[in-house]
Amino acid sequence: MADVPHTPVMAREVLAAIEARDNDIIVDGTFGAGGYTRAILDAANCSVFAIDRDPNAIAAGQALVAEYAPRLGLLEGCFGDMQSLLASADVQQVDGIALDLGVSSMQLDNPERGFSFQGDGPLDMRMQGPGVGSGQSAADVVNNFAEEDIANILWRYGEERRSRHIAHAIGVARREAAISRTGQLAQIVMSVLGRPRHGKVHPATRTFQALRIYVNDELGELERVLVAAERVLRPGGRLAVVSFHSLEDRIVKNFLRERGGLAPSQSRHLPEAPARRAPSFQVRKRSAIKPTQAETKANPRARSARLRAAVRTDQPVWQEGENA
């Protein structure tokens, strides 16, 4: 992906879903290199608050803040904390939210961040970067967790069919020496699955994905940001979420189905259920929107992208534990 490092995926479709208008307040929940933010600011005379948990992205974005002053503000933190981050900027409600899930190309392309097996680097994977308060790294997981726990992580977050074989190989390798480099881990995975074949997905892909998702609690963050979006979007506010694998897309799909009143009705043979809640979102299209063939050819990162979009209704937010 190094040849297309900062191309925002499905930018045209996201802009169409967000429908930025003059005087709107839009949130880019995954700032990264600022691709969506710039496109939104160019689309209308609106304001954008962009969130990123990576301090390097916030620092690199200061030039964009100056270019679009005073219409852009950067907020450092996890997008799951969107409501409190916006409140700190004295913003209570917004007109649109765009989310581009997963790791940014800037992080992926930097071997020192440890996200990729394409270049050897420290086995880190923390989106906040290394340091105090950033939590455990991928190296901490592979060196200190029980083999069974590692296998469960690889299965749950990477859907890796041979998770237990890989976890066992990790256990054997770490008894000889600590696993501290991405290259080491990739070699261990290949010792189980074989070397990469031309045109095929690299055998270490699912293992690296699983560790990254676990280390950064990406699925938990996604669940929290969807709830936050429901709370901060004003009636008529637009939500656009681009995901890159089935675990993310399933969470977004199920949330919008439920909040959009599209979940199956209660069977008449079961005990009477509580009254159905009024939908807090109107789902624009039941199926996910996929990138065009032209985009996937020009930008390989877009190949697995799926966009889901919805509009906030004027109904109250759902409380924790409520369902359709």
Protein backbone atom coordinates (compact mmCIF):
# COMPACT_ATOMS: atom_id res chain seq x y z
CA MET A 1 0.00 0.00 0.00
CA ALA A 2 3.00 2.28 0.05
CA ASP A 3 2.12 3.64 -3.40
CA VAL A 4 -1.26 4.93 -2.15
CA PRO A 5 -0.46 6.02 1.40
CA HIS A 6 -2.95 8.81 1.99
CA THR A 7 -5.84 8.13 -0.36
CA PRO A 8 -9.12 8.25 1.60
CA VAL A 9 -11.18 5.17 0.79
CA MET A 10 -14.61 5.69 -0.83
CA ALA A 11 -14.28 9.46 -0.35
CA ARG A 12 -16.96 10.27 -2.91
CA GLU A 13 -19.46 7.90 -1.31
CA VAL A 14 -18.66 9.15 2.21
CA LEU A 15 -19.14 12.76 1.12
CA ALA A 16 -22.48 11.84 -0.43
CA ALA A 17 -23.57 10.18 2.82
CA ILE A 18 -22.37 13.03 5.05
CA GLU A 19 -23.94 15.77 2.86
CA ALA A 20 -21.85 18.54 4.40
CA ARG A 21 -23.60 21.92 4.19
CA ASP A 22 -22.56 25.46 5.00
CA ASN A 23 -22.43 26.11 8.76
CA ASP A 24 -22.61 22.38 9.60
CA ILE A 25 -20.45 20.86 12.32
CA ILE A 26 -18.96 17.57 11.11
CA VAL A 27 -16.85 15.05 13.04
CA ASP A 28 -14.09 13.06 11.37
CA GLY A 29 -13.68 10.39 14.02
CA THR A 30 -10.57 8.88 12.41
CA PHE A 31 -8.39 11.79 11.31
CA GLY A 32 -5.25 9.87 10.26
CA ALA A 33 -3.60 11.83 7.46
CA GLY A 34 -6.64 14.10 7.11
CA GLY A 35 -8.03 12.77 3.84
CA TYR A 36 -11.71 12.84 4.83
CA THR A 37 -11.27 16.05 6.81
CA ARG A 38 -9.86 17.93 3.84
CA ALA A 39 -12.56 16.59 1.50
CA ILE A 40 -15.33 17.62 3.91
CA LEU A 41 -13.90 21.10 4.43
CA ASP A 42 -13.60 21.56 0.67
CA ALA A 43 -17.18 20.38 0.11
CA ALA A 44 -18.88 23.14 2.13
CA ASN A 45 -18.21 26.14 4.35
CA CYS A 46 -18.55 23.95 7.43
CA SER A 47 -16.52 23.24 10.56
CA VAL A 48 -14.81 19.92 11.31
CA PHE A 49 -13.69 18.44 14.60
CA ALA A 50 -11.29 15.59 13.87
CA ILE A 51 -10.36 12.93 16.43
CA ASP A 52 -7.29 10.69 16.56
CA ARG A 53 -5.74 8.68 19.38
CA ASP A 54 -2.28 8.89 17.78
CA PRO A 55 -0.36 11.99 18.98
CA ASN A 56 1.79 11.80 15.83
CA ALA A 57 -1.31 12.28 13.67
CA ILE A 58 -2.42 15.23 15.79
CA ALA A 59 1.02 16.84 15.49
CA ALA A 60 1.19 16.25 11.73
CA GLY A 61 -2.31 17.73 11.33
CA GLN A 62 -1.40 21.15 12.70
CA ALA A 63 -0.50 22.36 9.20
CA LEU A 64 -4.03 21.47 8.07
CA VAL A 65 -5.46 23.34 11.07
CA ALA A 66 -3.57 26.45 9.99
CA GLU A 67 -4.63 26.02 6.35
CA TYR A 68 -8.34 25.83 7.20
CA ALA A 69 -8.40 28.14 10.23
CA PRO A 70 -10.72 28.65 11.99
CA ARG A 71 -12.85 25.79 10.62
CA LEU A 72 -10.80 22.80 11.86
CA GLY A 73 -10.11 21.60 15.38
CA LEU A 74 -8.14 18.48 16.30
CA LEU A 75 -9.02 16.42 19.37
CA GLU A 76 -6.58 13.83 20.73
CA GLY A 77 -8.24 10.75 22.16
CA CYS A 78 -10.19 7.59 21.35
CA PHE A 79 -13.27 8.06 19.20
CA GLY A 80 -15.23 5.96 21.68
CA ASP A 81 -14.94 9.04 23.94
CA MET A 82 -16.39 11.27 21.23
CA GLN A 83 -19.11 12.77 23.40
CA SER A 84 -16.72 13.92 26.13
CA LEU A 85 -14.08 15.05 23.61
CA LEU A 86 -16.64 17.22 21.84
CA ALA A 87 -17.94 18.54 25.17
CA SER A 88 -14.39 19.67 25.99
CA ALA A 89 -14.60 21.80 22.83
CA ASP A 90 -18.02 23.11 23.95
CA VAL A 91 -19.82 21.10 21.24
CA GLN A 92 -22.96 19.20 22.24
CA GLN A 93 -24.51 18.23 18.89
CA VAL A 94 -23.20 17.79 15.35
CA ASP A 95 -24.59 17.43 11.84
CA GLY A 96 -22.46 14.56 10.56
CA ILE A 97 -19.95 11.90 11.60
CA ALA A 98 -17.51 10.04 9.34
CA LEU A 99 -15.58 6.98 10.55
CA ASP A 100 -12.86 5.14 8.62
CA LEU A 101 -12.10 2.14 10.81
CA GLY A 102 -8.88 0.25 11.36
CA VAL A 103 -5.26 1.30 11.16
CA SER A 104 -4.25 4.36 9.17
CA SER A 105 -1.90 4.11 6.21
CA MET A 106 0.58 6.38 8.02
CA GLN A 107 0.77 3.88 10.87
CA LEU A 108 0.81 0.84 8.60
CA ASP A 109 3.60 2.17 6.39
CA ASN A 110 5.91 3.05 9.32
CA PRO A 111 7.86 -0.08 10.36
CA GLU A 112 8.68 1.50 13.72
CA ARG A 113 5.01 1.29 14.70
CA GLY A 114 4.99 -2.49 14.34
CA PHE A 115 1.66 -2.89 12.55
CA SER A 116 2.89 -4.63 9.43
CA PHE A 117 4.95 -7.67 8.47
CA GLN A 118 6.02 -5.92 5.24
CA GLY A 119 8.96 -4.25 6.99
CA ASP A 120 10.76 -5.41 10.13
CA GLY A 121 10.19 -3.27 13.22
CA PRO A 122 9.40 -3.44 16.93
CA LEU A 123 6.32 -5.56 17.64
CA ASP A 124 4.22 -2.76 19.12
CA MET A 125 0.89 -2.04 17.32
CA ARG A 126 -0.40 0.50 19.86
CA MET A 127 -2.27 3.25 18.04
CA GLN A 128 -1.32 5.78 20.71
CA GLY A 129 2.30 4.85 20.16
CA PRO A 130 4.75 3.40 22.70
CA GLY A 131 5.06 4.93 26.12
CA VAL A 132 3.55 5.21 29.57
CA GLY A 133 -0.24 5.02 29.53
CA SER A 134 -0.45 3.39 26.10
CA GLY A 135 -1.32 -0.06 27.46
CA GLN A 136 0.20 -3.38 26.55
CA SER A 137 1.92 -3.93 23.22
CA ALA A 138 1.61 -6.84 20.83
CA ALA A 139 5.00 -8.03 22.13
CA ASP A 140 3.57 -8.11 25.66
CA VAL A 141 0.75 -10.34 24.43
CA VAL A 142 2.83 -12.87 22.49
CA ASN A 143 5.51 -13.13 25.17
CA ASN A 144 3.38 -13.16 28.33
CA PHE A 145 -0.07 -14.55 27.55
CA ALA A 146 -0.87 -18.25 27.88
CA GLU A 147 -0.92 -20.15 24.60
CA GLU A 148 -4.65 -20.79 24.98
CA ASP A 149 -5.34 -17.07 25.40
CA ILE A 150 -3.23 -16.22 22.34
CA ALA A 151 -5.09 -18.85 20.32
CA ASN A 152 -8.43 -17.40 21.41
CA ILE A 153 -7.33 -13.90 20.35
CA LEU A 154 -6.22 -15.14 16.92
CA TRP A 155 -9.49 -17.01 16.44
CA ARG A 156 -11.85 -14.32 17.71
CA TYR A 157 -10.28 -11.24 16.15
CA GLY A 158 -8.51 -12.73 13.13
CA GLU A 159 -10.79 -15.67 12.36
CA GLU A 160 -7.56 -17.66 12.00
CA ARG A 161 -8.48 -21.33 11.52
CA ARG A 162 -5.09 -22.60 12.68
CA SER A 163 -4.93 -20.33 15.70
CA ARG A 164 -3.94 -23.08 18.14
CA HIS A 165 -1.06 -24.28 15.94
CA ILE A 166 0.25 -20.72 15.64
CA ALA A 167 -0.12 -20.09 19.37
CA HIS A 168 1.83 -23.26 20.10
CA ALA A 169 4.59 -22.20 17.67
CA ILE A 170 4.74 -18.84 19.47
CA GLY A 171 5.06 -20.65 22.79
CA VAL A 172 7.94 -22.77 21.50
CA ALA A 173 9.75 -19.79 19.95
CA ARG A 174 9.51 -17.54 23.00
CA ARG A 175 11.15 -20.18 25.19
CA GLU A 176 14.26 -19.69 23.06
CA ALA A 177 14.15 -15.88 22.88
CA ALA A 178 11.67 -13.07 23.38
CA ILE A 179 9.60 -12.20 20.30
CA SER A 180 10.23 -8.48 19.91
CA ARG A 181 10.17 -7.84 16.13
CA THR A 182 7.46 -8.04 13.49
CA GLY A 183 9.77 -10.09 11.29
CA GLN A 184 10.15 -12.71 14.03
CA LEU A 185 6.41 -13.10 14.42
CA ALA A 186 5.84 -13.28 10.67
CA GLN A 187 8.45 -16.06 10.40
CA ILE A 188 6.77 -18.00 13.21
CA VAL A 189 3.40 -17.79 11.47
CA MET A 190 4.93 -18.85 8.16
CA SER A 191 6.54 -21.86 9.87
CA VAL A 192 2.96 -23.05 10.46
CA LEU A 193 1.10 -21.79 7.39
CA GLY A 194 3.84 -21.73 4.76
CA ARG A 195 5.36 -18.87 2.82
CA PRO A 196 3.24 -16.30 0.94
CA ARG A 197 2.17 -17.22 -2.57
CA HIS A 198 1.87 -14.74 -5.41
CA GLY A 199 -1.55 -13.14 -5.56
CA LYS A 200 -2.63 -14.62 -2.23
CA VAL A 201 -3.15 -12.97 1.15
CA HIS A 202 0.02 -13.13 3.26
CA PRO A 203 -0.29 -15.97 5.81
CA ALA A 204 0.52 -13.61 8.71
CA THR A 205 -2.30 -11.18 7.85
CA ARG A 206 -4.93 -12.64 10.18
CA THR A 207 -2.50 -12.99 13.09
CA PHE A 208 -1.34 -9.37 12.82
CA GLN A 209 -4.93 -8.17 12.43
CA ALA A 210 -6.05 -10.07 15.52
CA LEU A 211 -3.25 -8.76 17.72
CA ARG A 212 -3.81 -5.18 16.55
CA ILE A 213 -7.54 -5.33 17.23
CA TYR A 214 -6.99 -6.85 20.67
CA VAL A 215 -4.21 -4.47 21.73
CA ASN A 216 -6.26 -1.41 20.76
CA ASP A 217 -9.68 -2.76 21.83
CA GLU A 218 -10.91 -1.75 18.39
CA LEU A 219 -14.23 -3.58 18.54
CA GLY A 220 -15.02 -2.15 21.97
CA GLU A 221 -14.15 1.31 20.69
CA LEU A 222 -16.44 0.79 17.71
CA GLU A 223 -19.36 -0.19 19.93
CA ARG A 224 -18.78 2.87 22.12
CA VAL A 225 -18.51 5.31 19.21
CA LEU A 226 -21.77 4.11 17.67
CA VAL A 227 -23.57 4.80 20.95
CA ALA A 228 -21.81 8.18 21.15
CA ALA A 229 -22.89 9.00 17.58
CA GLU A 230 -26.51 8.35 18.50
CA ARG A 231 -26.15 10.81 21.38
CA VAL A 232 -24.36 13.68 19.62
CA LEU A 233 -26.02 13.66 16.20
CA ARG A 234 -28.85 16.15 16.00
CA PRO A 235 -32.11 15.11 14.24
CA GLY A 236 -31.29 14.84 10.56
CA GLY A 237 -27.58 14.29 11.33
CA ARG A 238 -25.78 11.86 9.03
CA LEU A 239 -23.53 8.92 9.96
CA ALA A 240 -21.12 7.19 7.55
CA VAL A 241 -18.95 4.25 8.64
CA VAL A 242 -16.34 2.56 6.44
CA SER A 243 -15.15 -0.82 7.73
CA PHE A 244 -12.53 -3.18 6.36
CA HIS A 245 -13.35 -6.61 7.72
CA SER A 246 -16.36 -8.66 8.67
CA LEU A 247 -16.06 -8.24 12.44
CA GLU A 248 -16.35 -4.45 12.20
CA ASP A 249 -19.02 -4.51 9.53
CA ARG A 250 -21.13 -6.96 11.55
CA ILE A 251 -21.11 -4.64 14.57
CA VAL A 252 -22.13 -1.63 12.46
CA LYS A 253 -24.79 -3.59 10.58
CA ASN A 254 -26.35 -5.00 13.75
CA PHE A 255 -26.32 -1.63 15.52
CA LEU A 256 -28.05 0.12 12.63
CA ARG A 257 -30.52 -2.71 12.10
CA GLU A 258 -31.50 -2.52 15.75
CA ARG A 259 -31.57 1.26 16.09
CA GLY A 260 -33.21 1.54 12.66
CA GLY A 261 -36.11 -0.72 13.61
CA LEU A 262 -35.06 -3.41 11.12
CA ALA A 263 -34.49 -6.21 13.64
CA PRO A 264 -36.86 -9.21 13.34
CA SER A 265 -40.16 -8.96 15.20
CA GLN A 266 -40.73 -11.00 18.34
CA SER A 267 -42.30 -14.42 17.66
CA ARG A 268 -45.93 -14.69 18.78
CA HIS A 269 -45.04 -18.03 20.41
CA LEU A 270 -42.64 -16.40 22.87
CA PRO A 271 -43.54 -14.43 26.01
CA GLU A 272 -44.68 -10.90 25.30
CA ALA A 273 -41.73 -8.56 24.83
CA PRO A 274 -41.50 -4.93 25.91
CA ALA A 275 -42.89 -2.40 23.46
CA ARG A 276 -40.56 -1.76 20.52
CA ARG A 277 -38.54 1.43 20.71
CA ALA A 278 -38.99 4.12 18.10
CA PRO A 279 -36.05 4.00 15.65
CA SER A 280 -33.28 6.46 16.44
CA PHE A 281 -31.76 6.03 12.96
CA GLN A 282 -33.11 5.76 9.45
CA VAL A 283 -30.89 3.33 7.53
CA ARG A 284 -30.27 4.61 4.02
CA LYS A 285 -29.58 1.23 2.45
CA ARG A 286 -29.92 -2.20 4.02
CA SER A 287 -26.87 -3.64 2.29
CA ALA A 288 -23.38 -2.20 2.53
CA ILE A 289 -22.09 0.05 -0.24
CA LYS A 290 -18.96 -1.33 -1.90
CA PRO A 291 -16.17 0.55 -3.69
CA THR A 292 -16.18 0.75 -7.46
CA GLN A 293 -13.93 -1.48 -9.54
CA ALA A 294 -12.02 1.60 -10.66
CA GLU A 295 -11.24 2.54 -7.05
CA THR A 296 -10.13 -0.94 -6.02
CA LYS A 297 -7.84 -1.06 -9.03
CA ALA A 298 -6.33 2.33 -8.20
CA ASN A 299 -6.24 1.83 -4.42
CA PRO A 300 -5.79 -1.78 -3.20
CA ARG A 301 -6.70 -0.77 0.37
CA ALA A 302 -10.27 -0.16 -0.80
CA ARG A 303 -10.83 -3.75 -1.89
CA SER A 304 -12.41 -4.93 1.37
CA ALA A 305 -14.09 -1.62 2.30
CA ARG A 306 -17.80 -1.52 3.15
CA LEU A 307 -19.76 1.67 3.78
CA ARG A 308 -22.93 1.85 5.87
CA ALA A 309 -24.85 5.09 6.28
CA ALA A 310 -27.80 6.29 8.32
CA VAL A 311 -29.63 9.47 9.34
CA ARG A 312 -30.51 10.34 12.93
CA THR A 313 -34.24 10.60 13.56
CA ASP A 314 -35.89 12.93 16.08
CA GLN A 315 -36.56 10.05 18.49
CA PRO A 316 -34.81 9.81 21.89
CA VAL A 317 -31.56 7.91 22.31
CA TRP A 318 -31.86 4.31 23.43
CA GLN A 319 -30.72 3.55 26.93
CA GLU A 320 -28.15 0.87 27.76
CA GLY A 321 -29.62 -2.62 27.47
CA GLU A 322 -32.68 -1.60 25.43
CA ASN A 323 -33.34 -3.40 22.17
CA ALA A 324 -35.92 -3.65 19.44
